[in-house]
Amino acid sequence: MNSLQSRMSNAVDGDCFYLPTAMHLHAFMLLKEQNFADKNFKVEVKQ
Protein backbone atom coordinates (compact mmCIF):
# COMPACT_ATOMS: atom_id res chain seq x y z
CA MET A 1 0.00 0.00 0.00
CA ASN A 2 2.80 2.42 0.84
CA SER A 3 4.51 1.87 -2.49
CA LEU A 4 1.27 2.30 -4.41
CA GLN A 5 0.39 5.43 -2.46
CA SER A 6 3.83 6.89 -3.19
CA ARG A 7 3.46 6.20 -6.91
CA MET A 8 0.00 7.73 -6.96
CA SER A 9 1.28 10.80 -5.15
CA ASN A 10 3.98 11.32 -7.80
CA ALA A 11 1.65 10.62 -10.74
CA VAL A 12 -0.07 13.27 -12.84
CA ASP A 13 -3.50 13.31 -14.45
CA GLY A 14 -3.72 10.76 -17.24
CA ASP A 15 -0.99 8.43 -15.95
CA CYS A 16 -1.83 4.75 -16.31
CA PHE A 17 -1.36 2.16 -13.59
CA TYR A 18 -1.02 -1.50 -14.57
CA LEU A 19 -2.02 -3.70 -11.65
CA PRO A 20 -1.46 -7.47 -11.42
CA THR A 21 -4.58 -8.56 -9.50
CA ALA A 22 -8.09 -7.55 -8.51
CA MET A 23 -6.81 -7.17 -4.94
CA HIS A 24 -4.37 -4.48 -6.12
CA LEU A 25 -7.24 -2.78 -7.95
CA HIS A 26 -9.27 -2.76 -4.75
CA ALA A 27 -6.40 -1.13 -2.83
CA PHE A 28 -5.91 1.36 -5.66
CA MET A 29 -9.57 2.38 -5.59
CA LEU A 30 -9.54 2.83 -1.81
CA LEU A 31 -6.44 5.03 -1.95
CA LYS A 32 -7.83 7.02 -4.87
CA GLU A 33 -11.09 7.76 -3.07
CA GLN A 34 -9.43 8.71 0.20
CA ASN A 35 -6.36 10.60 -0.96
CA PHE A 36 -6.42 11.38 -4.67
CA ALA A 37 -10.00 12.22 -5.57
CA ASP A 38 -8.77 15.27 -7.50
CA LYS A 39 -6.50 13.22 -9.80
CA ASN A 40 -7.64 11.29 -12.88
CA PHE A 41 -5.75 8.07 -13.53
CA LYS A 42 -6.20 5.25 -16.00
CA VAL A 43 -5.95 1.76 -14.56
CA GLU A 44 -5.75 -1.73 -16.08
CA VAL A 45 -5.51 -5.14 -14.49
CA LYS A 46 -2.97 -7.25 -16.39
CA GLN A 47 -2.22 -10.66 -14.97
PDB file of N, CA and C in Angstrom:
ATOM      1  N   MET A   1       0.825  -1.190   0.000  1.00  0.00           N
ATOM      2  CA  MET A   1       0.000   0.000   0.000  1.00  0.00           C
ATOM      3  C   MET A   1       0.871   1.257   0.000  1.00  0.00           C
ATOM      4  N   ASN A   2       1.950   1.238   0.775  1.00  0.00           N
ATOM      5  CA  ASN A   2       2.804   2.424   0.837  1.00  0.00           C
ATOM      6  C   ASN A   2       3.446   2.717  -0.504  1.00  0.00           C
ATOM      7  N   SER A   3       3.889   1.689  -1.188  1.00  0.00           N
ATOM      8  CA  SER A   3       4.514   1.867  -2.495  1.00  0.00           C
ATOM      9  C   SER A   3       3.500   2.412  -3.502  1.00  0.00           C
ATOM     10  N   LEU A   4       2.314   1.843  -3.495  1.00  0.00           N
ATOM     11  CA  LEU A   4       1.269   2.300  -4.406  1.00  0.00           C
ATOM     12  C   LEU A   4       0.878   3.742  -4.111  1.00  0.00           C
ATOM     13  N   GLN A   5       0.747   4.064  -2.845  1.00  0.00           N
ATOM     14  CA  GLN A   5       0.395   5.427  -2.460  1.00  0.00           C
ATOM     15  C   GLN A   5       1.481   6.413  -2.903  1.00  0.00           C
ATOM     16  N   SER A   6       2.725   6.040  -2.768  1.00  0.00           N
ATOM     17  CA  SER A   6       3.829   6.894  -3.194  1.00  0.00           C
ATOM     18  C   SER A   6       3.792   7.124  -4.696  1.00  0.00           C
ATOM     19  N   ARG A   7       3.539   6.074  -5.448  1.00  0.00           N
ATOM     20  CA  ARG A   7       3.462   6.202  -6.909  1.00  0.00           C
ATOM     21  C   ARG A   7       2.287   7.066  -7.333  1.00  0.00           C
ATOM     22  N   MET A   8       1.171   6.917  -6.647  1.00  0.00           N
ATOM     23  CA  MET A   8      -0.003   7.730  -6.964  1.00  0.00           C
ATOM     24  C   MET A   8       0.251   9.199  -6.630  1.00  0.00           C
ATOM     25  N   SER A   9       0.965   9.435  -5.559  1.00  0.00           N
ATOM     26  CA  SER A   9       1.284  10.796  -5.152  1.00  0.00           C
ATOM     27  C   SER A   9       2.146  11.499  -6.197  1.00  0.00           C
ATOM     28  N   ASN A  10       3.072  10.758  -6.804  1.00  0.00           N
ATOM     29  CA  ASN A  10       3.976  11.320  -7.799  1.00  0.00           C
ATOM     30  C   ASN A  10       3.378  11.360  -9.205  1.00  0.00           C
ATOM     31  N   ALA A  11       2.266  10.694  -9.413  1.00  0.00           N
ATOM     32  CA  ALA A  11       1.649  10.620 -10.738  1.00  0.00           C
ATOM     33  C   ALA A  11       0.892  11.911 -11.064  1.00  0.00           C
ATOM     34  N   VAL A  12       0.702  12.115 -12.359  1.00  0.00           N
ATOM     35  CA  VAL A  12      -0.066  13.268 -12.836  1.00  0.00           C
ATOM     36  C   VAL A  12      -1.320  12.772 -13.549  1.00  0.00           C
ATOM     37  N   ASP A  13      -2.269  13.664 -13.754  1.00  0.00           N
ATOM     38  CA  ASP A  13      -3.499  13.305 -14.454  1.00  0.00           C
ATOM     39  C   ASP A  13      -3.179  12.602 -15.772  1.00  0.00           C
ATOM     40  N   GLY A  14      -3.881  11.505 -16.008  1.00  0.00           N
ATOM     41  CA  GLY A  14      -3.716  10.765 -17.239  1.00  0.00           C
ATOM     42  C   GLY A  14      -2.724   9.617 -17.162  1.00  0.00           C
ATOM     43  N   ASP A  15      -1.923   9.550 -16.103  1.00  0.00           N
ATOM     44  CA  ASP A  15      -0.993   8.432 -15.951  1.00  0.00           C
ATOM     45  C   ASP A  15      -1.777   7.128 -15.843  1.00  0.00           C
ATOM     46  N   CYS A  16      -1.172   6.054 -16.332  1.00  0.00           N
ATOM     47  CA  CYS A  16      -1.825   4.748 -16.306  1.00  0.00           C
ATOM     48  C   CYS A  16      -1.110   3.822 -15.334  1.00  0.00           C
ATOM     49  N   PHE A  17      -1.885   3.149 -14.526  1.00  0.00           N
ATOM     50  CA  PHE A  17      -1.364   2.155 -13.588  1.00  0.00           C
ATOM     51  C   PHE A  17      -1.758   0.773 -14.095  1.00  0.00           C
ATOM     52  N   TYR A  18      -0.775  -0.116 -14.212  1.00  0.00           N
ATOM     53  CA  TYR A  18      -1.016  -1.500 -14.572  1.00  0.00           C
ATOM     54  C   TYR A  18      -0.880  -2.332 -13.308  1.00  0.00           C
ATOM     55  N   LEU A  19      -1.976  -2.954 -12.907  1.00  0.00           N
ATOM     56  CA  LEU A  19      -2.016  -3.695 -11.650  1.00  0.00           C
ATOM     57  C   LEU A  19      -2.142  -5.188 -11.933  1.00  0.00           C
ATOM     58  N   PRO A  20      -1.484  -6.033 -11.123  1.00  0.00           N
ATOM     59  CA  PRO A  20      -1.457  -7.466 -11.422  1.00  0.00           C
ATOM     60  C   PRO A  20      -2.688  -8.264 -10.979  1.00  0.00           C
ATOM     61  N   THR A  21      -3.452  -7.763 -10.009  1.00  0.00           N
ATOM     62  CA  THR A  21      -4.583  -8.556  -9.497  1.00  0.00           C
ATOM     63  C   THR A  21      -5.759  -7.654  -9.131  1.00  0.00           C
ATOM     64  N   ALA A  22      -6.907  -8.275  -8.954  1.00  0.00           N
ATOM     65  CA  ALA A  22      -8.095  -7.546  -8.511  1.00  0.00           C
ATOM     66  C   ALA A  22      -7.894  -6.978  -7.101  1.00  0.00           C
ATOM     67  N   MET A  23      -7.091  -7.661  -6.283  1.00  0.00           N
ATOM     68  CA  MET A  23      -6.805  -7.169  -4.937  1.00  0.00           C
ATOM     69  C   MET A  23      -6.044  -5.835  -5.012  1.00  0.00           C
ATOM     70  N   HIS A  24      -5.103  -5.731  -5.927  1.00  0.00           N
ATOM     71  CA  HIS A  24      -4.374  -4.480  -6.116  1.00  0.00           C
ATOM     72  C   HIS A  24      -5.324  -3.381  -6.597  1.00  0.00           C
ATOM     73  N   LEU A  25      -6.248  -3.744  -7.470  1.00  0.00           N
ATOM     74  CA  LEU A  25      -7.239  -2.777  -7.953  1.00  0.00           C
ATOM     75  C   LEU A  25      -8.085  -2.261  -6.801  1.00  0.00           C
ATOM     76  N   HIS A  26      -8.480  -3.152  -5.912  1.00  0.00           N
ATOM     77  CA  HIS A  26      -9.274  -2.758  -4.752  1.00  0.00           C
ATOM     78  C   HIS A  26      -8.496  -1.759  -3.889  1.00  0.00           C
ATOM     79  N   ALA A  27      -7.244  -2.051  -3.616  1.00  0.00           N
ATOM     80  CA  ALA A  27      -6.400  -1.135  -2.834  1.00  0.00           C
ATOM     81  C   ALA A  27      -6.243   0.195  -3.553  1.00  0.00           C
ATOM     82  N   PHE A  28      -6.044   0.145  -4.857  1.00  0.00           N
ATOM     83  CA  PHE A  28      -5.908   1.356  -5.665  1.00  0.00           C
ATOM     84  C   PHE A  28      -7.158   2.229  -5.532  1.00  0.00           C
ATOM     85  N   MET A  29      -8.315   1.615  -5.658  1.00  0.00           N
ATOM     86  CA  MET A  29      -9.574   2.376  -5.594  1.00  0.00           C
ATOM     87  C   MET A  29      -9.773   2.998  -4.213  1.00  0.00           C
ATOM     88  N   LEU A  30      -9.429   2.283  -3.160  1.00  0.00           N
ATOM     89  CA  LEU A  30      -9.543   2.834  -1.811  1.00  0.00           C
ATOM     90  C   LEU A  30      -8.626   4.045  -1.634  1.00  0.00           C
ATOM     91  N   LEU A  31      -7.384   3.918  -2.056  1.00  0.00           N
ATOM     92  CA  LEU A  31      -6.440   5.030  -1.950  1.00  0.00           C
ATOM     93  C   LEU A  31      -6.893   6.216  -2.787  1.00  0.00           C
ATOM     94  N   LYS A  32      -7.372   5.935  -3.980  1.00  0.00           N
ATOM     95  CA  LYS A  32      -7.827   7.016  -4.870  1.00  0.00           C
ATOM     96  C   LYS A  32      -8.962   7.798  -4.222  1.00  0.00           C
ATOM     97  N   GLU A  33      -9.947   7.102  -3.717  1.00  0.00           N
ATOM     98  CA  GLU A  33     -11.094   7.757  -3.071  1.00  0.00           C
ATOM     99  C   GLU A  33     -10.663   8.599  -1.880  1.00  0.00           C
ATOM    100  N   GLN A  34      -9.798   8.058  -1.055  1.00  0.00           N
ATOM    101  CA  GLN A  34      -9.433   8.710   0.202  1.00  0.00           C
ATOM    102  C   GLN A  34      -8.418   9.826   0.030  1.00  0.00           C
ATOM    103  N   ASN A  35      -7.482   9.674  -0.904  1.00  0.00           N
ATOM    104  CA  ASN A  35      -6.357  10.595  -0.963  1.00  0.00           C
ATOM    105  C   ASN A  35      -6.155  11.327  -2.283  1.00  0.00           C
ATOM    106  N   PHE A  36      -6.719  10.819  -3.358  1.00  0.00           N
ATOM    107  CA  PHE A  36      -6.418  11.384  -4.669  1.00  0.00           C
ATOM    108  C   PHE A  36      -7.671  11.613  -5.505  1.00  0.00           C
ATOM    109  N   ALA A  37      -8.736  12.018  -4.872  1.00  0.00           N
ATOM    110  CA  ALA A  37     -10.002  12.219  -5.575  1.00  0.00           C
ATOM    111  C   ALA A  37      -9.888  13.278  -6.668  1.00  0.00           C
ATOM    112  N   ASP A  38      -8.925  14.182  -6.528  1.00  0.00           N
ATOM    113  CA  ASP A  38      -8.769  15.265  -7.499  1.00  0.00           C
ATOM    114  C   ASP A  38      -7.924  14.865  -8.708  1.00  0.00           C
ATOM    115  N   LYS A  39      -7.322  13.674  -8.682  1.00  0.00           N
ATOM    116  CA  LYS A  39      -6.496  13.224  -9.804  1.00  0.00           C
ATOM    117  C   LYS A  39      -7.266  12.215 -10.647  1.00  0.00           C
ATOM    118  N   ASN A  40      -6.988  12.215 -11.943  1.00  0.00           N
ATOM    119  CA  ASN A  40      -7.638  11.289 -12.876  1.00  0.00           C
ATOM    120  C   ASN A  40      -6.592  10.350 -13.446  1.00  0.00           C
ATOM    121  N   PHE A  41      -6.686   9.078 -13.067  1.00  0.00           N
ATOM    122  CA  PHE A  41      -5.754   8.067 -13.533  1.00  0.00           C
ATOM    123  C   PHE A  41      -6.479   7.054 -14.402  1.00  0.00           C
ATOM    124  N   LYS A  42      -5.718   6.416 -15.276  1.00  0.00           N
ATOM    125  CA  LYS A  42      -6.197   5.247 -15.999  1.00  0.00           C
ATOM    126  C   LYS A  42      -5.668   4.041 -15.230  1.00  0.00           C
ATOM    127  N   VAL A  43      -6.411   2.952 -15.269  1.00  0.00           N
ATOM    128  CA  VAL A  43      -5.950   1.761 -14.562  1.00  0.00           C
ATOM    129  C   VAL A  43      -6.380   0.522 -15.346  1.00  0.00           C
ATOM    130  N   GLU A  44      -5.473  -0.459 -15.421  1.00  0.00           N
ATOM    131  CA  GLU A  44      -5.753  -1.727 -16.076  1.00  0.00           C
ATOM    132  C   GLU A  44      -5.229  -2.859 -15.208  1.00  0.00           C
ATOM    133  N   VAL A  45      -5.971  -3.949 -15.178  1.00  0.00           N
ATOM    134  CA  VAL A  45      -5.513  -5.138 -14.485  1.00  0.00           C
ATOM    135  C   VAL A  45      -4.953  -6.072 -15.549  1.00  0.00           C
ATOM    136  N   LYS A  46      -3.669  -6.368 -15.437  1.00  0.00           N
ATOM    137  CA  LYS A  46      -2.973  -7.247 -16.388  1.00  0.00           C
ATOM    138  C   LYS A  46      -2.279  -8.346 -15.605  1.00  0.00           C
ATOM    139  N   GLN A  47      -2.791  -9.541 -15.718  1.00  0.00           N
ATOM    140  CA  GLN A  47      -2.219 -10.656 -14.967  1.00  0.00           C
ATOM    141  C   GLN A  47      -1.064 -11.282 -15.690  1.00  0.00           C
TER     142      GLN A  47
END
